[in-house]
Amino acid sequence: MTIFIVLLILILGFLAYMVKLNHDLLVNKDNILRSMAAFDAMIIKKNDALLDLIGYAQDVMDKEATLIKDILNLRHEVTEIKPKIVNAPARYQKQAELDKKIEQLLNAVSRYSDLNKNSTFQVSLQKFNDLNVAYKEKVEFYNMCVDKLNWSIHSFPSSIIAEMANTKEPPPKY
């Protein structure tokens, strides 16, 4: 009788552990979707705030006209890519290219005293920088969610549950 109770406890413990692994897998998948949505929302907000900066910069930064044109073109390309899971790698790659160009533009701002004196531009720049900080936090959370889901998919025994649930690989880290 004692062996039966011990065996029953072991089986129930194993089942509880499998249910917990399944729950963790579902939570990780949900976190990926939520983090992608938050990440995409920040991309939209950041790229909208970029238009204010570009509006002021175009008038003053005549030497950076090609860079500004490239930024506007890349922004348009990012906006055209729908925020869906299948489009995530392409969208995030374009956003990374855009971020590099924006960084070049922001580094060039210090050479233009008219922009440094323009209080409206400085307010727009501060708003953009605040959005950029929030954006980086969303990127960190997204990458952490990708790591957790990858761990769930590739570690034993949760890999068995992931395979049974036909869990797909998450999009790549940003």
C-alpha atoms as a PDB file:
ATOM      1  CA  MET A   1       0.000   0.000   0.000  1.00  0.00           C
ATOM      2  CA  THR A   2       2.845   2.388   0.829  1.00  0.00           C
ATOM      3  CA  ILE A   3       4.461   1.762  -2.558  1.00  0.00           C
ATOM      4  CA  PHE A   4       1.158   2.573  -4.246  1.00  0.00           C
ATOM      5  CA  ILE A   5       0.908   5.924  -2.425  1.00  0.00           C
ATOM      6  CA  VAL A   6       4.530   6.813  -3.217  1.00  0.00           C
ATOM      7  CA  LEU A   7       4.000   5.875  -6.864  1.00  0.00           C
ATOM      8  CA  LEU A   8       0.793   7.918  -6.997  1.00  0.00           C
ATOM      9  CA  ILE A   9       2.578  10.930  -5.484  1.00  0.00           C
ATOM     10  CA  LEU A  10       5.405  10.600  -8.019  1.00  0.00           C
ATOM     11  CA  ILE A  11       2.961  10.394 -10.932  1.00  0.00           C
ATOM     12  CA  LEU A  12       0.983  13.387  -9.671  1.00  0.00           C
ATOM     13  CA  GLY A  13       4.227  15.328  -9.152  1.00  0.00           C
ATOM     14  CA  PHE A  14       5.352  14.506 -12.671  1.00  0.00           C
ATOM     15  CA  LEU A  15       1.989  15.566 -14.125  1.00  0.00           C
ATOM     16  CA  ALA A  16       2.056  18.801 -12.122  1.00  0.00           C
ATOM     17  CA  TYR A  17       5.563  19.487 -13.412  1.00  0.00           C
ATOM     18  CA  MET A  18       4.469  18.883 -17.027  1.00  0.00           C
ATOM     19  CA  VAL A  19       1.479  21.207 -16.542  1.00  0.00           C
ATOM     20  CA  LYS A  20       3.837  23.854 -15.153  1.00  0.00           C
ATOM     21  CA  LEU A  21       6.175  23.470 -18.153  1.00  0.00           C
ATOM     22  CA  ASN A  22       3.222  23.829 -20.512  1.00  0.00           C
ATOM     23  CA  HIS A  23       2.070  26.920 -18.648  1.00  0.00           C
ATOM     24  CA  ASP A  24       5.586  28.408 -18.831  1.00  0.00           C
ATOM     25  CA  LEU A  25       5.689  27.726 -22.560  1.00  0.00           C
ATOM     26  CA  LEU A  26       2.335  29.459 -23.070  1.00  0.00           C
ATOM     27  CA  VAL A  27       3.428  32.423 -20.937  1.00  0.00           C
ATOM     28  CA  ASN A  28       6.664  32.732 -22.919  1.00  0.00           C
ATOM     29  CA  LYS A  29       4.770  32.666 -26.217  1.00  0.00           C
ATOM     30  CA  ASP A  30       2.356  35.291 -24.909  1.00  0.00           C
ATOM     31  CA  ASN A  31       5.236  37.457 -23.674  1.00  0.00           C
ATOM     32  CA  ILE A  32       6.798  37.347 -27.146  1.00  0.00           C
ATOM     33  CA  LEU A  33       3.567  38.605 -28.690  1.00  0.00           C
ATOM     34  CA  ARG A  34       3.126  41.303 -26.067  1.00  0.00           C
ATOM     35  CA  SER A  35       6.733  42.448 -26.293  1.00  0.00           C
ATOM     36  CA  MET A  36       6.539  42.549 -30.083  1.00  0.00           C
ATOM     37  CA  ALA A  37       3.412  44.688 -29.882  1.00  0.00           C
ATOM     38  CA  ALA A  38       5.063  47.062 -27.394  1.00  0.00           C
ATOM     39  CA  PHE A  39       8.232  47.126 -29.491  1.00  0.00           C
ATOM     40  CA  ASP A  40       6.286  47.902 -32.673  1.00  0.00           C
ATOM     41  CA  ALA A  41       4.290  50.605 -30.881  1.00  0.00           C
ATOM     42  CA  MET A  42       7.545  52.248 -29.796  1.00  0.00           C
ATOM     43  CA  ILE A  43       8.860  52.054 -33.360  1.00  0.00           C
ATOM     44  CA  ILE A  44       5.758  53.915 -34.528  1.00  0.00           C
ATOM     45  CA  LYS A  45       5.991  56.569 -31.784  1.00  0.00           C
ATOM     46  CA  LYS A  46       9.716  57.032 -32.284  1.00  0.00           C
ATOM     47  CA  ASN A  47       9.401  57.335 -36.052  1.00  0.00           C
ATOM     48  CA  ASP A  48       6.561  59.846 -35.659  1.00  0.00           C
ATOM     49  CA  ALA A  49       8.694  61.972 -33.323  1.00  0.00           C
ATOM     50  CA  LEU A  50      11.472  61.730 -35.883  1.00  0.00           C
ATOM     51  CA  LEU A  51       9.367  63.753 -38.308  1.00  0.00           C
ATOM     52  CA  ASP A  52       9.461  66.759 -35.957  1.00  0.00           C
ATOM     53  CA  LEU A  53      13.240  66.574 -35.751  1.00  0.00           C
ATOM     54  CA  ILE A  54      13.621  66.206 -39.487  1.00  0.00           C
ATOM     55  CA  GLY A  55      11.277  69.145 -40.073  1.00  0.00           C
ATOM     56  CA  TYR A  56      13.572  71.474 -38.121  1.00  0.00           C
ATOM     57  CA  ALA A  57      16.763  69.858 -39.349  1.00  0.00           C
ATOM     58  CA  GLN A  58      15.879  70.142 -43.042  1.00  0.00           C
ATOM     59  CA  ASP A  59      15.750  73.914 -42.812  1.00  0.00           C
ATOM     60  CA  VAL A  60      19.155  74.260 -41.180  1.00  0.00           C
ATOM     61  CA  MET A  61      21.251  71.161 -41.983  1.00  0.00           C
ATOM     62  CA  ASP A  62      21.897  71.783 -45.665  1.00  0.00           C
ATOM     63  CA  LYS A  63      25.142  69.768 -45.614  1.00  0.00           C
ATOM     64  CA  GLU A  64      23.219  66.730 -44.373  1.00  0.00           C
ATOM     65  CA  ALA A  65      20.537  66.798 -47.099  1.00  0.00           C
ATOM     66  CA  THR A  66      21.455  63.330 -48.398  1.00  0.00           C
ATOM     67  CA  LEU A  67      21.406  61.875 -44.893  1.00  0.00           C
ATOM     68  CA  ILE A  68      18.002  63.426 -44.199  1.00  0.00           C
ATOM     69  CA  LYS A  69      16.661  62.042 -47.462  1.00  0.00           C
ATOM     70  CA  ASP A  70      17.999  58.580 -46.580  1.00  0.00           C
ATOM     71  CA  ILE A  71      16.363  58.792 -43.150  1.00  0.00           C
ATOM     72  CA  LEU A  72      13.013  59.742 -44.636  1.00  0.00           C
ATOM     73  CA  ASN A  73      13.234  56.914 -47.186  1.00  0.00           C
ATOM     74  CA  LEU A  74      14.148  54.333 -44.528  1.00  0.00           C
ATOM     75  CA  ARG A  75      11.377  55.609 -42.260  1.00  0.00           C
ATOM     76  CA  HIS A  76       8.926  55.123 -45.107  1.00  0.00           C
ATOM     77  CA  GLU A  77      10.213  51.586 -45.728  1.00  0.00           C
ATOM     78  CA  VAL A  78       9.848  50.677 -42.040  1.00  0.00           C
ATOM     79  CA  THR A  79       6.326  52.089 -41.990  1.00  0.00           C
ATOM     80  CA  GLU A  80       5.356  50.095 -45.083  1.00  0.00           C
ATOM     81  CA  ILE A  81       6.293  46.765 -43.468  1.00  0.00           C
ATOM     82  CA  LYS A  82       3.280  45.512 -41.525  1.00  0.00           C
ATOM     83  CA  PRO A  83       3.956  44.723 -37.854  1.00  0.00           C
ATOM     84  CA  LYS A  84       3.401  40.956 -38.023  1.00  0.00           C
ATOM     85  CA  ILE A  85       5.485  38.091 -36.691  1.00  0.00           C
ATOM     86  CA  VAL A  86       6.474  36.913 -40.168  1.00  0.00           C
ATOM     87  CA  ASN A  87       7.633  40.437 -41.052  1.00  0.00           C
ATOM     88  CA  ALA A  88       9.544  41.010 -37.814  1.00  0.00           C
ATOM     89  CA  PRO A  89      13.054  40.212 -39.102  1.00  0.00           C
ATOM     90  CA  ALA A  90      12.729  42.516 -42.128  1.00  0.00           C
ATOM     91  CA  ARG A  91      11.038  45.274 -40.125  1.00  0.00           C
ATOM     92  CA  TYR A  92      13.606  45.194 -37.349  1.00  0.00           C
ATOM     93  CA  GLN A  93      16.517  45.097 -39.804  1.00  0.00           C
ATOM     94  CA  LYS A  94      15.205  48.224 -41.547  1.00  0.00           C
ATOM     95  CA  GLN A  95      14.657  49.892 -38.172  1.00  0.00           C
ATOM     96  CA  ALA A  96      18.262  49.097 -37.210  1.00  0.00           C
ATOM     97  CA  GLU A  97      19.460  50.752 -40.430  1.00  0.00           C
ATOM     98  CA  LEU A  98      17.264  53.747 -39.656  1.00  0.00           C
ATOM     99  CA  ASP A  99      18.601  53.945 -36.097  1.00  0.00           C
ATOM    100  CA  LYS A 100      22.184  54.129 -37.419  1.00  0.00           C
ATOM    101  CA  LYS A 101      21.263  56.973 -39.756  1.00  0.00           C
ATOM    102  CA  ILE A 102      19.426  58.799 -36.957  1.00  0.00           C
ATOM    103  CA  GLU A 103      22.510  58.468 -34.774  1.00  0.00           C
ATOM    104  CA  GLN A 104      24.602  60.058 -37.538  1.00  0.00           C
ATOM    105  CA  LEU A 105      22.107  62.899 -37.806  1.00  0.00           C
ATOM    106  CA  LEU A 106      22.024  63.500 -34.052  1.00  0.00           C
ATOM    107  CA  ASN A 107      25.819  63.548 -33.961  1.00  0.00           C
ATOM    108  CA  ALA A 108      25.793  66.216 -36.679  1.00  0.00           C
ATOM    109  CA  VAL A 109      23.328  68.455 -34.764  1.00  0.00           C
ATOM    110  CA  SER A 110      26.077  69.854 -32.538  1.00  0.00           C
ATOM    111  CA  ARG A 111      27.712  71.458 -35.598  1.00  0.00           C
ATOM    112  CA  TYR A 112      24.661  73.644 -36.231  1.00  0.00           C
ATOM    113  CA  SER A 113      24.358  76.483 -33.719  1.00  0.00           C
ATOM    114  CA  ASP A 114      20.934  77.507 -35.077  1.00  0.00           C
ATOM    115  CA  LEU A 115      19.512  74.128 -34.005  1.00  0.00           C
ATOM    116  CA  ASN A 116      21.204  74.305 -30.613  1.00  0.00           C
ATOM    117  CA  LYS A 117      19.591  77.717 -29.997  1.00  0.00           C
ATOM    118  CA  ASN A 118      16.134  76.690 -31.253  1.00  0.00           C
ATOM    119  CA  SER A 119      14.069  75.872 -28.148  1.00  0.00           C
ATOM    120  CA  THR A 120      11.332  74.116 -30.123  1.00  0.00           C
ATOM    121  CA  PHE A 121      13.903  71.846 -31.726  1.00  0.00           C
ATOM    122  CA  GLN A 122      15.424  71.150 -28.314  1.00  0.00           C
ATOM    123  CA  VAL A 123      11.997  70.158 -26.935  1.00  0.00           C
ATOM    124  CA  SER A 124      11.490  67.827 -29.922  1.00  0.00           C
ATOM    125  CA  LEU A 125      14.961  66.414 -29.410  1.00  0.00           C
ATOM    126  CA  GLN A 126      14.258  65.766 -25.727  1.00  0.00           C
ATOM    127  CA  LYS A 127      10.961  64.058 -26.581  1.00  0.00           C
ATOM    128  CA  PHE A 128      12.750  61.927 -29.168  1.00  0.00           C
ATOM    129  CA  ASN A 129      15.482  61.012 -26.671  1.00  0.00           C
ATOM    130  CA  ASP A 130      12.863  60.026 -24.067  1.00  0.00           C
ATOM    131  CA  LEU A 131      11.140  57.824 -26.637  1.00  0.00           C
ATOM    132  CA  ASN A 132      14.508  56.342 -27.568  1.00  0.00           C
ATOM    133  CA  VAL A 133      15.141  55.356 -23.937  1.00  0.00           C
ATOM    134  CA  ALA A 134      11.711  53.701 -23.739  1.00  0.00           C
ATOM    135  CA  TYR A 135      12.410  52.029 -27.091  1.00  0.00           C
ATOM    136  CA  LYS A 136      15.651  50.523 -25.777  1.00  0.00           C
ATOM    137  CA  GLU A 137      13.802  49.175 -22.736  1.00  0.00           C
ATOM    138  CA  LYS A 138      11.260  47.515 -25.036  1.00  0.00           C
ATOM    139  CA  VAL A 139      14.110  46.026 -27.083  1.00  0.00           C
ATOM    140  CA  GLU A 140      15.668  44.571 -23.930  1.00  0.00           C
ATOM    141  CA  PHE A 141      12.361  43.058 -22.828  1.00  0.00           C
ATOM    142  CA  TYR A 142      11.728  41.654 -26.311  1.00  0.00           C
ATOM    143  CA  ASN A 143      15.195  40.062 -26.451  1.00  0.00           C
ATOM    144  CA  MET A 144      14.704  38.593 -22.977  1.00  0.00           C
ATOM    145  CA  CYS A 145      11.366  37.082 -24.083  1.00  0.00           C
ATOM    146  CA  VAL A 146      13.023  35.584 -27.166  1.00  0.00           C
ATOM    147  CA  ASP A 147      15.713  34.030 -24.955  1.00  0.00           C
ATOM    148  CA  LYS A 148      13.137  32.544 -22.585  1.00  0.00           C
ATOM    149  CA  LEU A 149      11.056  31.065 -25.388  1.00  0.00           C
ATOM    150  CA  ASN A 150      14.173  29.657 -27.061  1.00  0.00           C
ATOM    151  CA  TRP A 151      15.158  28.092 -23.750  1.00  0.00           C
ATOM    152  CA  SER A 152      11.687  26.567 -23.370  1.00  0.00           C
ATOM    153  CA  ILE A 153      11.759  25.173 -26.887  1.00  0.00           C
ATOM    154  CA  HIS A 154      15.267  23.746 -26.726  1.00  0.00           C
ATOM    155  CA  SER A 155      15.572  22.418 -23.168  1.00  0.00           C
ATOM    156  CA  PHE A 156      14.432  19.017 -22.003  1.00  0.00           C
ATOM    157  CA  PRO A 157      11.675  18.143 -21.002  1.00  0.00           C
ATOM    158  CA  SER A 158       9.853  21.322 -22.081  1.00  0.00           C
ATOM    159  CA  SER A 159      11.101  20.709 -25.632  1.00  0.00           C
ATOM    160  CA  ILE A 160       8.808  17.677 -25.773  1.00  0.00           C
ATOM    161  CA  ILE A 161       5.811  19.799 -24.819  1.00  0.00           C
ATOM    162  CA  ALA A 162       6.846  22.491 -27.301  1.00  0.00           C
ATOM    163  CA  GLU A 163       7.067  19.887 -30.046  1.00  0.00           C
ATOM    164  CA  MET A 164       3.676  18.435 -29.157  1.00  0.00           C
ATOM    165  CA  ALA A 165       2.173  21.953 -29.214  1.00  0.00           C
ATOM    166  CA  ASN A 166       3.849  22.701 -32.582  1.00  0.00           C
ATOM    167  CA  THR A 167       5.541  25.758 -31.081  1.00  0.00           C
ATOM    168  CA  LYS A 168       7.465  27.667 -33.725  1.00  0.00           C
ATOM    169  CA  GLU A 169      10.809  29.338 -33.265  1.00  0.00           C
ATOM    170  CA  PRO A 170      10.484  32.944 -32.135  1.00  0.00           C
ATOM    171  CA  PRO A 171      11.655  35.766 -34.386  1.00  0.00           C
ATOM    172  CA  PRO A 172      15.345  36.608 -34.067  1.00  0.00           C
ATOM    173  CA  LYS A 173      16.600  38.919 -31.356  1.00  0.00           C
ATOM    174  CA  TYR A 174      16.867  42.577 -32.226  1.00  0.00           C
END
